[in-house]
Amino acid sequence: MTAVLTLDAPIAALTTDDPGGRSAVAIATHVGGHVFDVLSGRRTVHEIGEHVSARVAALLLTTRLHAAQGPEHRVRSVHACPITEFAVEACMVVGTHDRVRALVLRVERDGERWVCTRLSPV
């Protein structure tokens, strides 16, 4: 079951450990935005290295979303579900002028940062 959370919906048990008390949607939006920037050619993998695992970095190095290139993309929606207090699974729908794409990702907490550990562009 997937929940669509608002930006102010906190993840259970993270509010005391995470200084920002960030919601699942806020986490997915932040990390997913960095990943999409690489896929669209606006950033390099090295620039977002702290936000992705080695496995995801390797995937990003070999994948480009050709229809997503250009500055006109925008996030249409982010659907996120906290799986545990240290993991979030999400789908980010991103639209360009002529196409809609989705990124399915898993983000896990690694110390004080959130890291994308699984990624599937759709």
C-alpha atoms as a PDB file:
ATOM      1  CA  MET A   1       0.000   0.000   0.000  1.00  0.00           C
ATOM      2  CA  THR A   2       1.327   3.430  -0.902  1.00  0.00           C
ATOM      3  CA  ALA A   3       0.570   6.511   1.088  1.00  0.00           C
ATOM      4  CA  VAL A   4       0.605   9.999  -0.318  1.00  0.00           C
ATOM      5  CA  LEU A   5       1.967  12.158   2.465  1.00  0.00           C
ATOM      6  CA  THR A   6       1.880  15.890   2.846  1.00  0.00           C
ATOM      7  CA  LEU A   7       5.088  17.826   3.353  1.00  0.00           C
ATOM      8  CA  ASP A   8       4.407  18.195   7.063  1.00  0.00           C
ATOM      9  CA  ALA A   9       3.671  14.522   7.802  1.00  0.00           C
ATOM     10  CA  PRO A  10       6.601  13.310   9.949  1.00  0.00           C
ATOM     11  CA  ILE A  11       8.084   9.847   9.764  1.00  0.00           C
ATOM     12  CA  ALA A  12       7.431   7.982  12.982  1.00  0.00           C
ATOM     13  CA  ALA A  13      10.442   7.867  15.328  1.00  0.00           C
ATOM     14  CA  LEU A  14      12.554  10.100  13.087  1.00  0.00           C
ATOM     15  CA  THR A  15      11.494  13.360  14.612  1.00  0.00           C
ATOM     16  CA  THR A  16      13.707  12.837  17.669  1.00  0.00           C
ATOM     17  CA  ASP A  17      16.744  11.546  15.728  1.00  0.00           C
ATOM     18  CA  ASP A  18      16.452  13.886  12.731  1.00  0.00           C
ATOM     19  CA  PRO A  19      16.944  17.548  13.628  1.00  0.00           C
ATOM     20  CA  GLY A  20      14.653  18.680  10.821  1.00  0.00           C
ATOM     21  CA  GLY A  21      11.935  16.114  11.537  1.00  0.00           C
ATOM     22  CA  ARG A  22      11.538  15.814   7.772  1.00  0.00           C
ATOM     23  CA  SER A  23       8.589  14.021   6.220  1.00  0.00           C
ATOM     24  CA  ALA A  24       8.881  11.086   3.839  1.00  0.00           C
ATOM     25  CA  VAL A  25       7.793  13.336   0.965  1.00  0.00           C
ATOM     26  CA  ALA A  26      10.362  16.017   1.847  1.00  0.00           C
ATOM     27  CA  ILE A  27      13.149  13.417   1.976  1.00  0.00           C
ATOM     28  CA  ALA A  28      12.112  11.848  -1.339  1.00  0.00           C
ATOM     29  CA  THR A  29      11.763  15.270  -2.982  1.00  0.00           C
ATOM     30  CA  HIS A  30      15.213  16.362  -1.856  1.00  0.00           C
ATOM     31  CA  VAL A  31      17.115  13.220  -2.820  1.00  0.00           C
ATOM     32  CA  GLY A  32      14.970  12.505  -5.905  1.00  0.00           C
ATOM     33  CA  GLY A  33      15.558  16.036  -7.154  1.00  0.00           C
ATOM     34  CA  HIS A  34      19.316  15.486  -7.074  1.00  0.00           C
ATOM     35  CA  VAL A  35      18.953  12.170  -8.912  1.00  0.00           C
ATOM     36  CA  PHE A  36      16.711  13.696 -11.573  1.00  0.00           C
ATOM     37  CA  ASP A  37      19.211  16.529 -12.081  1.00  0.00           C
ATOM     38  CA  VAL A  38      21.840  13.922 -12.994  1.00  0.00           C
ATOM     39  CA  LEU A  39      19.460  12.018 -15.269  1.00  0.00           C
ATOM     40  CA  SER A  40      18.563  15.228 -17.085  1.00  0.00           C
ATOM     41  CA  GLY A  41      22.188  16.295 -17.487  1.00  0.00           C
ATOM     42  CA  ARG A  42      22.113  19.312 -15.150  1.00  0.00           C
ATOM     43  CA  ARG A  43      24.503  17.807 -12.594  1.00  0.00           C
ATOM     44  CA  THR A  44      27.187  15.167 -12.545  1.00  0.00           C
ATOM     45  CA  VAL A  45      27.125  12.029 -10.427  1.00  0.00           C
ATOM     46  CA  HIS A  46      30.146  13.341  -8.530  1.00  0.00           C
ATOM     47  CA  GLU A  47      28.209  16.426  -7.434  1.00  0.00           C
ATOM     48  CA  ILE A  48      25.546  14.329  -5.707  1.00  0.00           C
ATOM     49  CA  GLY A  49      27.803  11.496  -4.543  1.00  0.00           C
ATOM     50  CA  GLU A  50      26.817  11.858  -0.907  1.00  0.00           C
ATOM     51  CA  HIS A  51      23.139  11.318  -1.811  1.00  0.00           C
ATOM     52  CA  VAL A  52      23.503   8.050  -3.782  1.00  0.00           C
ATOM     53  CA  SER A  53      24.927   4.590  -3.139  1.00  0.00           C
ATOM     54  CA  ALA A  54      27.674   3.151  -5.350  1.00  0.00           C
ATOM     55  CA  ARG A  55      25.090   0.951  -7.097  1.00  0.00           C
ATOM     56  CA  VAL A  56      22.852   3.931  -7.937  1.00  0.00           C
ATOM     57  CA  ALA A  57      25.861   6.027  -8.990  1.00  0.00           C
ATOM     58  CA  ALA A  58      26.857   3.304 -11.472  1.00  0.00           C
ATOM     59  CA  LEU A  59      23.308   3.245 -12.862  1.00  0.00           C
ATOM     60  CA  LEU A  60      23.294   7.032 -13.202  1.00  0.00           C
ATOM     61  CA  LEU A  61      26.564   6.956 -15.119  1.00  0.00           C
ATOM     62  CA  THR A  62      24.991   4.722 -17.780  1.00  0.00           C
ATOM     63  CA  THR A  63      21.468   6.184 -17.918  1.00  0.00           C
ATOM     64  CA  ARG A  64      20.121   9.417 -19.368  1.00  0.00           C
ATOM     65  CA  LEU A  65      16.508  10.452 -19.759  1.00  0.00           C
ATOM     66  CA  HIS A  66      16.787  12.082 -23.168  1.00  0.00           C
ATOM     67  CA  ALA A  67      13.242  13.418 -23.084  1.00  0.00           C
ATOM     68  CA  ALA A  68      13.958  15.079 -19.743  1.00  0.00           C
ATOM     69  CA  GLN A  69      16.851  17.230 -20.890  1.00  0.00           C
ATOM     70  CA  GLY A  70      16.362  20.942 -20.655  1.00  0.00           C
ATOM     71  CA  PRO A  71      15.342  23.386 -17.950  1.00  0.00           C
ATOM     72  CA  GLU A  72      11.587  23.049 -18.359  1.00  0.00           C
ATOM     73  CA  HIS A  73      11.032  19.970 -16.165  1.00  0.00           C
ATOM     74  CA  ARG A  74       9.007  20.262 -13.003  1.00  0.00           C
ATOM     75  CA  VAL A  75       7.974  17.894 -10.258  1.00  0.00           C
ATOM     76  CA  ARG A  76       4.304  17.046 -10.668  1.00  0.00           C
ATOM     77  CA  SER A  77       3.958  14.862  -7.600  1.00  0.00           C
ATOM     78  CA  VAL A  78       5.886  12.874  -5.039  1.00  0.00           C
ATOM     79  CA  HIS A  79       4.286   9.843  -3.436  1.00  0.00           C
ATOM     80  CA  ALA A  80       6.229   8.485  -0.481  1.00  0.00           C
ATOM     81  CA  CYS A  81       5.788   5.794   2.108  1.00  0.00           C
ATOM     82  CA  PRO A  82       7.969   5.321   5.183  1.00  0.00           C
ATOM     83  CA  ILE A  83       8.932   1.629   5.242  1.00  0.00           C
ATOM     84  CA  THR A  84      10.882   1.766   8.494  1.00  0.00           C
ATOM     85  CA  GLU A  85      12.189   4.637  10.568  1.00  0.00           C
ATOM     86  CA  PHE A  86      15.335   4.514   8.415  1.00  0.00           C
ATOM     87  CA  ALA A  87      13.871   3.894   4.936  1.00  0.00           C
ATOM     88  CA  VAL A  88      11.449   5.589   2.554  1.00  0.00           C
ATOM     89  CA  GLU A  89      10.132   4.274  -0.762  1.00  0.00           C
ATOM     90  CA  ALA A  90       8.827   6.805  -3.231  1.00  0.00           C
ATOM     91  CA  CYS A  91       7.661   7.558  -6.743  1.00  0.00           C
ATOM     92  CA  MET A  92       8.481  10.959  -8.181  1.00  0.00           C
ATOM     93  CA  VAL A  93       6.491  12.053 -11.246  1.00  0.00           C
ATOM     94  CA  VAL A  94       8.330  14.664 -13.306  1.00  0.00           C
ATOM     95  CA  GLY A  95       6.897  16.431 -16.331  1.00  0.00           C
ATOM     96  CA  THR A  96       8.627  18.120 -19.235  1.00  0.00           C
ATOM     97  CA  HIS A  97       7.015  20.040 -22.056  1.00  0.00           C
ATOM     98  CA  ASP A  98       6.255  16.877 -24.041  1.00  0.00           C
ATOM     99  CA  ARG A  99       6.615  13.904 -21.719  1.00  0.00           C
ATOM    100  CA  VAL A 100       5.984  12.641 -18.208  1.00  0.00           C
ATOM    101  CA  ARG A 101       8.539  10.418 -16.489  1.00  0.00           C
ATOM    102  CA  ALA A 102       8.613   8.680 -13.138  1.00  0.00           C
ATOM    103  CA  LEU A 103      11.441   7.744 -10.815  1.00  0.00           C
ATOM    104  CA  VAL A 104      10.899   4.968  -8.324  1.00  0.00           C
ATOM    105  CA  LEU A 105      13.423   5.153  -5.508  1.00  0.00           C
ATOM    106  CA  ARG A 106      14.324   3.843  -2.107  1.00  0.00           C
ATOM    107  CA  VAL A 107      16.053   6.252   0.244  1.00  0.00           C
ATOM    108  CA  GLU A 108      17.760   5.023   3.404  1.00  0.00           C
ATOM    109  CA  ARG A 109      19.235   6.900   6.298  1.00  0.00           C
ATOM    110  CA  ASP A 110      23.004   6.650   6.671  1.00  0.00           C
ATOM    111  CA  GLY A 111      23.990   8.480   9.824  1.00  0.00           C
ATOM    112  CA  GLU A 112      22.866  12.084   9.433  1.00  0.00           C
ATOM    113  CA  ARG A 113      22.185  11.907   5.683  1.00  0.00           C
ATOM    114  CA  TRP A 114      19.706  10.246   3.365  1.00  0.00           C
ATOM    115  CA  VAL A 115      21.038   8.114   0.502  1.00  0.00           C
ATOM    116  CA  CYS A 116      19.233   6.749  -2.569  1.00  0.00           C
ATOM    117  CA  THR A 117      20.015   3.018  -2.495  1.00  0.00           C
ATOM    118  CA  ARG A 118      17.689   1.824  -5.275  1.00  0.00           C
ATOM    119  CA  LEU A 119      16.511   3.583  -8.398  1.00  0.00           C
ATOM    120  CA  SER A 120      14.307   2.679 -11.337  1.00  0.00           C
ATOM    121  CA  PRO A 121      13.498   5.314 -13.978  1.00  0.00           C
ATOM    122  CA  VAL A 122      10.160   4.492 -15.617  1.00  0.00           C
END
